[in-house]
Amino acid sequence: MSKFKYYLIAGLLRMVSYLPLGAAQFIGKWLGLLAWKLGGRPKKITDINLDICLPELTEEQRRDLSRDSLAHTGMTALEIPLMWEWPVDKCLRLIKETEGLELVDEALATGKGLILLAPHLGNWELAGLFFSSRYKMAALYSPPHIKEFEDYMIRVRGRLGSELVRGDRKGLMRLMGILKEGGVAGILPDQSPRGKTNAYAPFFGMDVMTMTLVGKLVQKTGANVLVTYAERLANGEGFKILVTPAEPGIGADDTVAGATALNQSVEKVVRMAPEQYQWEYKRMRHRPPGNPNPYKPGQICD
């Protein structure tokens, strides 16, 4: 059954990849708007997250942002097949502007490694391609549920030589070695991890489980940390790569302080383009014991 699912998904990806960017974004946008209109799970989670994270907005502003967010999520979903199946040069030609690349060069000039934090904002697949085209790079990943899909994912994401590193002990040791050699490591910092090695830290004001991996890597390797994303330009015009400094303190000995700085770094870029953030992800599901689960009324976290 897993092989059947793989061939079905791979076939759909290849079919979508024949679309030009504008058409893919148009279809994705309307699929996202349809999901918003139907009011199913993605919209409900998005609305809960926006109520928690951006209470300063009016009800009407959050409603508009919820709609725009799902439209952009739809566009992201239809762009991914293009990023995976198009020739790399064609993908990179979609980047029309850059901002802050000098920060990358300055960080690497110190002779230390660089951790690029790439939240689920804009088109993170294109951001990964862009940086792997310029630097020796490794990216941390979690194996997909469909086993046959892992080889495909490694091949398309690593076609410029980027090394994909599993998030297990062996993979983390490899990531540490790459950073000690002065290389670049890409990490998605806004997932909801499990395990006692992580920490509860505020994200948009709510304490949630947050990865401590980045802080540990900084402590052990002295790596620099920056935040990046590929912002979607209007009217199918392409993308803009932005790089900004991370908030200070990610490598603090106090794991909560480090995790807080990590979350603040994500918050900062999300506020730059909130409609392009993946708000339908249950980022707040792992909270300190005794706190209510915002996605399941009446359920207490344990």
Protein backbone atom coordinates (compact mmCIF):
# COMPACT_ATOMS: atom_id res chain seq x y z
CA MET A 1 0.00 0.00 0.00
CA SER A 2 2.83 2.43 0.82
CA LYS A 3 4.34 1.90 -2.64
CA PHE A 4 0.98 2.65 -4.23
CA LYS A 5 0.70 5.87 -2.21
CA TYR A 6 4.23 6.84 -3.21
CA TYR A 7 3.61 6.35 -6.93
CA LEU A 8 0.31 8.21 -6.68
CA ILE A 9 1.85 11.18 -4.89
CA ALA A 10 4.94 11.22 -7.11
CA GLY A 11 2.71 11.16 -10.18
CA LEU A 12 0.64 14.07 -8.92
CA LEU A 13 3.77 16.06 -8.12
CA ARG A 14 5.10 15.56 -11.63
CA MET A 15 1.76 16.55 -13.17
CA VAL A 16 1.62 19.78 -11.17
CA SER A 17 5.25 20.55 -12.07
CA TYR A 18 4.22 21.13 -15.70
CA LEU A 19 2.39 24.27 -14.60
CA PRO A 20 4.04 27.70 -14.80
CA LEU A 21 4.45 29.51 -11.49
CA GLY A 22 1.51 31.87 -12.07
CA ALA A 23 -0.90 29.05 -12.83
CA ALA A 24 0.27 26.98 -9.85
CA GLN A 25 -0.16 29.96 -7.53
CA PHE A 26 -3.58 30.79 -8.98
CA ILE A 27 -4.86 27.24 -8.47
CA GLY A 28 -3.27 26.96 -5.04
CA LYS A 29 -4.75 30.28 -3.95
CA TRP A 30 -8.28 29.25 -4.87
CA LEU A 31 -7.90 25.85 -3.25
CA GLY A 32 -6.80 27.63 -0.08
CA LEU A 33 -9.72 30.05 -0.27
CA LEU A 34 -12.08 27.12 -0.76
CA ALA A 35 -10.66 25.44 2.36
CA TRP A 36 -11.21 28.68 4.26
CA LYS A 37 -14.76 29.02 2.96
CA LEU A 38 -15.63 25.44 3.92
CA GLY A 39 -14.50 26.14 7.47
CA GLY A 40 -12.86 22.79 8.09
CA ARG A 41 -9.87 21.79 10.22
CA PRO A 42 -7.27 24.09 8.55
CA LYS A 43 -9.42 27.17 9.09
CA LYS A 44 -10.31 26.24 12.67
CA ILE A 45 -6.65 25.74 13.64
CA THR A 46 -5.63 28.93 11.83
CA ASP A 47 -8.28 30.94 13.68
CA ILE A 48 -7.25 29.50 17.05
CA ASN A 49 -3.59 30.32 16.42
CA LEU A 50 -4.35 33.85 15.27
CA ASP A 51 -6.55 34.50 18.32
CA ILE A 52 -3.68 33.36 20.59
CA CYS A 53 -0.76 34.94 18.76
CA LEU A 54 -2.14 38.22 17.44
CA PRO A 55 -4.78 39.39 19.94
CA GLU A 56 -3.89 43.01 19.16
CA LEU A 57 -5.62 42.69 15.78
CA THR A 58 -9.32 43.40 15.46
CA GLU A 59 -11.70 40.52 14.78
CA GLU A 60 -12.03 41.70 11.19
CA GLN A 61 -8.26 41.90 10.72
CA ARG A 62 -7.81 38.34 12.05
CA ARG A 63 -10.60 37.15 9.76
CA ASP A 64 -8.88 38.69 6.72
CA LEU A 65 -5.51 37.29 7.82
CA SER A 66 -7.00 33.82 8.26
CA ARG A 67 -8.34 33.93 4.70
CA ASP A 68 -5.10 35.27 3.24
CA SER A 69 -3.03 32.74 5.18
CA LEU A 70 -4.90 29.75 3.78
CA ALA A 71 -4.64 31.26 0.29
CA HIS A 72 -0.86 31.44 0.70
CA THR A 73 -0.73 27.93 2.17
CA GLY A 74 -2.51 26.71 -0.96
CA MET A 75 0.06 28.51 -3.10
CA THR A 76 2.91 26.94 -1.14
CA ALA A 77 1.43 23.47 -1.65
CA LEU A 78 1.25 23.95 -5.42
CA GLU A 79 4.73 25.52 -5.59
CA ILE A 80 6.49 22.59 -3.93
CA PRO A 81 6.17 20.26 -6.96
CA LEU A 82 7.78 23.00 -9.06
CA MET A 83 10.68 23.35 -6.63
CA TRP A 84 11.20 19.58 -6.58
CA GLU A 85 10.76 18.80 -10.27
CA TRP A 86 11.92 21.89 -12.17
CA PRO A 87 15.60 22.24 -13.14
CA VAL A 88 17.47 24.10 -10.42
CA ASP A 89 18.39 27.03 -12.67
CA LYS A 90 14.73 27.55 -13.50
CA CYS A 91 13.83 27.59 -9.81
CA LEU A 92 16.59 30.04 -8.95
CA ARG A 93 15.44 32.42 -11.69
CA LEU A 94 12.27 32.92 -9.64
CA ILE A 95 14.33 34.88 -7.09
CA LYS A 96 14.02 38.52 -8.10
CA GLU A 97 15.38 40.25 -5.01
CA THR A 98 17.63 39.56 -2.04
CA GLU A 99 18.15 41.36 1.23
CA GLY A 100 20.67 40.71 3.98
CA LEU A 101 22.98 38.27 2.15
CA GLU A 102 25.96 40.22 3.45
CA LEU A 103 25.08 38.87 6.91
CA VAL A 104 25.75 35.33 5.65
CA ASP A 105 29.12 36.30 4.21
CA GLU A 106 30.07 38.14 7.40
CA ALA A 107 29.11 35.16 9.54
CA LEU A 108 31.10 32.69 7.46
CA ALA A 109 34.09 35.04 7.35
CA THR A 110 34.50 34.45 11.08
CA GLY A 111 35.60 30.89 10.27
CA LYS A 112 32.73 29.42 12.26
CA GLY A 113 29.74 27.51 10.99
CA LEU A 114 26.35 29.06 10.34
CA ILE A 115 22.90 27.87 11.36
CA LEU A 116 20.16 29.19 9.07
CA LEU A 117 16.78 29.11 10.74
CA ALA A 118 14.07 28.74 8.08
CA PRO A 119 10.56 28.86 9.58
CA HIS A 120 7.48 27.67 7.68
CA LEU A 121 7.16 31.09 6.10
CA GLY A 122 6.91 31.82 2.38
CA ASN A 123 8.54 29.16 0.20
CA TRP A 124 11.07 27.36 2.40
CA GLU A 125 11.91 24.83 -0.34
CA LEU A 126 13.16 27.62 -2.61
CA ALA A 127 15.14 29.15 0.26
CA GLY A 128 16.88 25.81 0.76
CA LEU A 129 17.72 25.53 -2.94
CA PHE A 130 19.07 29.06 -3.02
CA PHE A 131 21.50 28.60 -0.14
CA SER A 132 22.61 25.15 -1.22
CA SER A 133 23.51 26.68 -4.59
CA ARG A 134 25.93 29.05 -2.84
CA TYR A 135 27.34 27.25 0.18
CA LYS A 136 28.33 23.84 1.47
CA MET A 137 25.14 23.02 3.29
CA ALA A 138 23.33 20.36 5.29
CA ALA A 139 19.66 20.32 6.26
CA LEU A 140 18.01 18.53 9.15
CA TYR A 141 14.91 16.50 8.25
CA SER A 142 12.44 14.02 9.69
CA PRO A 143 11.72 10.88 7.62
CA PRO A 144 8.30 10.96 5.92
CA HIS A 145 5.61 8.48 6.90
CA ILE A 146 5.81 6.85 3.46
CA LYS A 147 9.18 5.07 3.45
CA GLU A 148 9.54 5.07 -0.36
CA PHE A 149 9.14 8.85 -0.37
CA GLU A 150 12.32 9.40 1.65
CA ASP A 151 14.72 8.55 -1.21
CA TYR A 152 12.80 10.85 -3.54
CA MET A 153 12.87 13.71 -1.04
CA ILE A 154 16.60 13.31 -0.44
CA ARG A 155 17.28 13.26 -4.18
CA VAL A 156 15.30 16.39 -5.08
CA ARG A 157 16.43 18.42 -2.09
CA GLY A 158 20.04 17.37 -2.47
CA ARG A 159 20.48 17.79 -6.21
CA LEU A 160 22.90 20.67 -5.66
CA GLY A 161 24.96 18.70 -3.19
CA SER A 162 23.08 19.69 -0.05
CA GLU A 163 23.35 16.92 2.52
CA LEU A 164 20.14 15.83 4.22
CA VAL A 165 20.71 14.76 7.80
CA ARG A 166 18.23 12.70 9.79
CA GLY A 167 17.19 14.05 13.16
CA ASP A 168 18.63 11.06 15.06
CA ARG A 169 21.80 10.78 17.15
CA LYS A 170 23.99 9.85 14.18
CA GLY A 171 22.55 12.64 12.08
CA LEU A 172 23.04 15.23 14.79
CA MET A 173 26.68 14.23 15.19
CA ARG A 174 27.11 14.74 11.45
CA LEU A 175 25.44 18.15 11.65
CA MET A 176 27.79 19.14 14.45
CA GLY A 177 30.78 18.07 12.37
CA ILE A 178 29.64 20.15 9.40
CA LEU A 179 29.28 23.22 11.60
CA LYS A 180 32.72 22.69 13.13
CA GLU A 181 34.11 22.58 9.57
CA GLY A 182 32.62 26.02 8.90
CA GLY A 183 29.64 24.75 6.90
CA VAL A 184 26.01 25.85 6.83
CA ALA A 185 23.14 23.98 8.50
CA GLY A 186 19.49 24.64 7.70
CA ILE A 187 16.94 23.95 10.44
CA LEU A 188 13.15 24.40 10.59
CA PRO A 189 12.83 25.95 14.07
CA ASP A 190 9.05 26.20 14.51
CA GLN A 191 7.94 22.59 14.85
CA SER A 192 6.31 21.21 18.00
CA PRO A 193 8.86 18.71 19.34
CA ARG A 194 8.44 16.02 21.96
CA GLY A 195 10.88 14.80 24.57
CA LYS A 196 12.40 15.86 27.87
CA THR A 197 15.46 17.33 26.15
CA ASN A 198 13.33 20.24 24.88
CA ALA A 199 12.00 23.18 26.89
CA TYR A 200 8.80 25.14 27.42
CA ALA A 201 9.28 28.70 26.20
CA PRO A 202 6.94 31.54 25.17
CA PHE A 203 5.90 31.71 21.52
CA PHE A 204 3.73 34.77 20.87
CA GLY A 205 3.10 34.86 24.63
CA MET A 206 2.12 31.22 25.19
CA ASP A 207 4.51 28.68 26.74
CA VAL A 208 4.92 25.78 24.30
CA MET A 209 7.42 22.96 23.84
CA THR A 210 10.38 24.34 21.87
CA MET A 211 13.49 22.68 20.46
CA THR A 212 16.74 23.18 22.35
CA LEU A 213 18.83 21.64 19.57
CA VAL A 214 19.87 24.97 18.08
CA GLY A 215 21.13 26.26 21.41
CA LYS A 216 23.11 23.07 22.02
CA LEU A 217 24.69 23.26 18.56
CA VAL A 218 25.72 26.87 19.20
CA GLN A 219 27.26 25.91 22.55
CA LYS A 220 29.23 23.00 21.11
CA THR A 221 30.37 24.57 17.81
CA GLY A 222 30.30 28.34 18.32
CA ALA A 223 28.19 28.63 15.16
CA ASN A 224 26.53 31.89 14.17
CA VAL A 225 22.73 31.98 13.76
CA LEU A 226 20.65 33.85 11.18
CA VAL A 227 17.00 33.65 10.10
CA THR A 228 15.87 33.44 6.48
CA TYR A 229 12.80 32.99 4.31
CA ALA A 230 11.70 33.34 0.69
CA GLU A 231 8.90 35.90 0.56
CA ARG A 232 6.30 35.45 -2.18
CA LEU A 233 5.99 38.57 -4.34
CA ALA A 234 2.63 39.76 -5.63
CA ASN A 235 1.08 38.78 -8.96
CA GLY A 236 3.26 35.74 -9.57
CA GLU A 237 6.37 37.88 -9.98
CA GLY A 238 8.61 35.49 -8.04
CA PHE A 239 10.28 35.64 -4.63
CA LYS A 240 12.55 37.70 -2.44
CA ILE A 241 15.18 36.07 -0.21
CA LEU A 242 15.53 37.81 3.15
CA VAL A 243 18.14 37.19 5.84
CA THR A 244 17.92 38.78 9.28
CA PRO A 245 19.91 38.44 12.52
CA ALA A 246 18.62 35.99 15.10
CA GLU A 247 17.77 37.33 18.51
CA PRO A 248 20.74 37.22 20.93
CA GLY A 249 20.89 34.50 23.54
CA ILE A 250 20.02 31.39 21.55
CA GLY A 251 23.18 29.72 22.81
CA ALA A 252 22.58 30.62 26.46
CA ASP A 253 23.41 28.04 29.12
CA ASP A 254 19.85 28.42 30.41
CA THR A 255 17.86 26.26 27.98
CA VAL A 256 14.63 28.19 28.55
CA ALA A 257 16.38 31.48 27.78
CA GLY A 258 17.87 29.96 24.63
CA ALA A 259 14.53 28.52 23.49
CA THR A 260 12.87 31.88 24.18
CA ALA A 261 15.40 33.67 21.96
CA LEU A 262 14.77 31.05 19.26
CA ASN A 263 11.02 31.66 19.37
CA GLN A 264 11.53 35.41 19.36
CA SER A 265 13.64 35.04 16.22
CA VAL A 266 10.77 33.21 14.52
CA GLU A 267 8.20 35.73 15.75
CA LYS A 268 10.20 38.61 14.31
CA VAL A 269 10.14 37.30 10.73
CA VAL A 270 6.55 36.03 10.97
CA ARG A 271 5.44 39.56 11.77
CA MET A 272 7.18 40.73 8.56
CA ALA A 273 4.83 38.64 6.40
CA PRO A 274 2.16 37.10 8.67
CA GLU A 275 -0.11 36.10 5.79
CA GLN A 276 2.64 33.82 4.44
CA TYR A 277 3.11 31.86 7.69
CA GLN A 278 1.76 28.32 8.06
CA TRP A 279 -0.78 29.14 10.76
CA GLU A 280 -2.76 25.92 10.26
CA TYR A 281 -0.02 23.93 12.06
CA LYS A 282 -0.75 22.98 15.69
CA ARG A 283 2.28 24.77 17.10
CA MET A 284 0.66 25.21 20.54
CA ARG A 285 -0.33 21.58 21.16
CA HIS A 286 2.50 20.67 23.59
CA ARG A 287 2.13 22.90 26.65
CA PRO A 288 3.25 22.60 30.28
CA PRO A 289 1.29 19.95 32.23
CA GLY A 290 -1.99 21.21 33.64
CA ASN A 291 -2.57 23.78 30.88
CA PRO A 292 -5.53 23.47 28.50
CA ASN A 293 -4.95 22.21 24.97
CA PRO A 294 -6.17 25.10 22.78
CA TYR A 295 -7.12 22.74 19.96
CA LYS A 296 -9.20 20.36 22.12
CA PRO A 297 -11.57 22.20 24.46
CA GLY A 298 -11.73 20.55 27.86
CA GLN A 299 -8.51 18.56 27.41
CA ILE A 300 -5.62 19.25 29.79
CA CYS A 301 -2.01 18.72 28.74
CA ASP A 302 -0.08 16.11 30.71
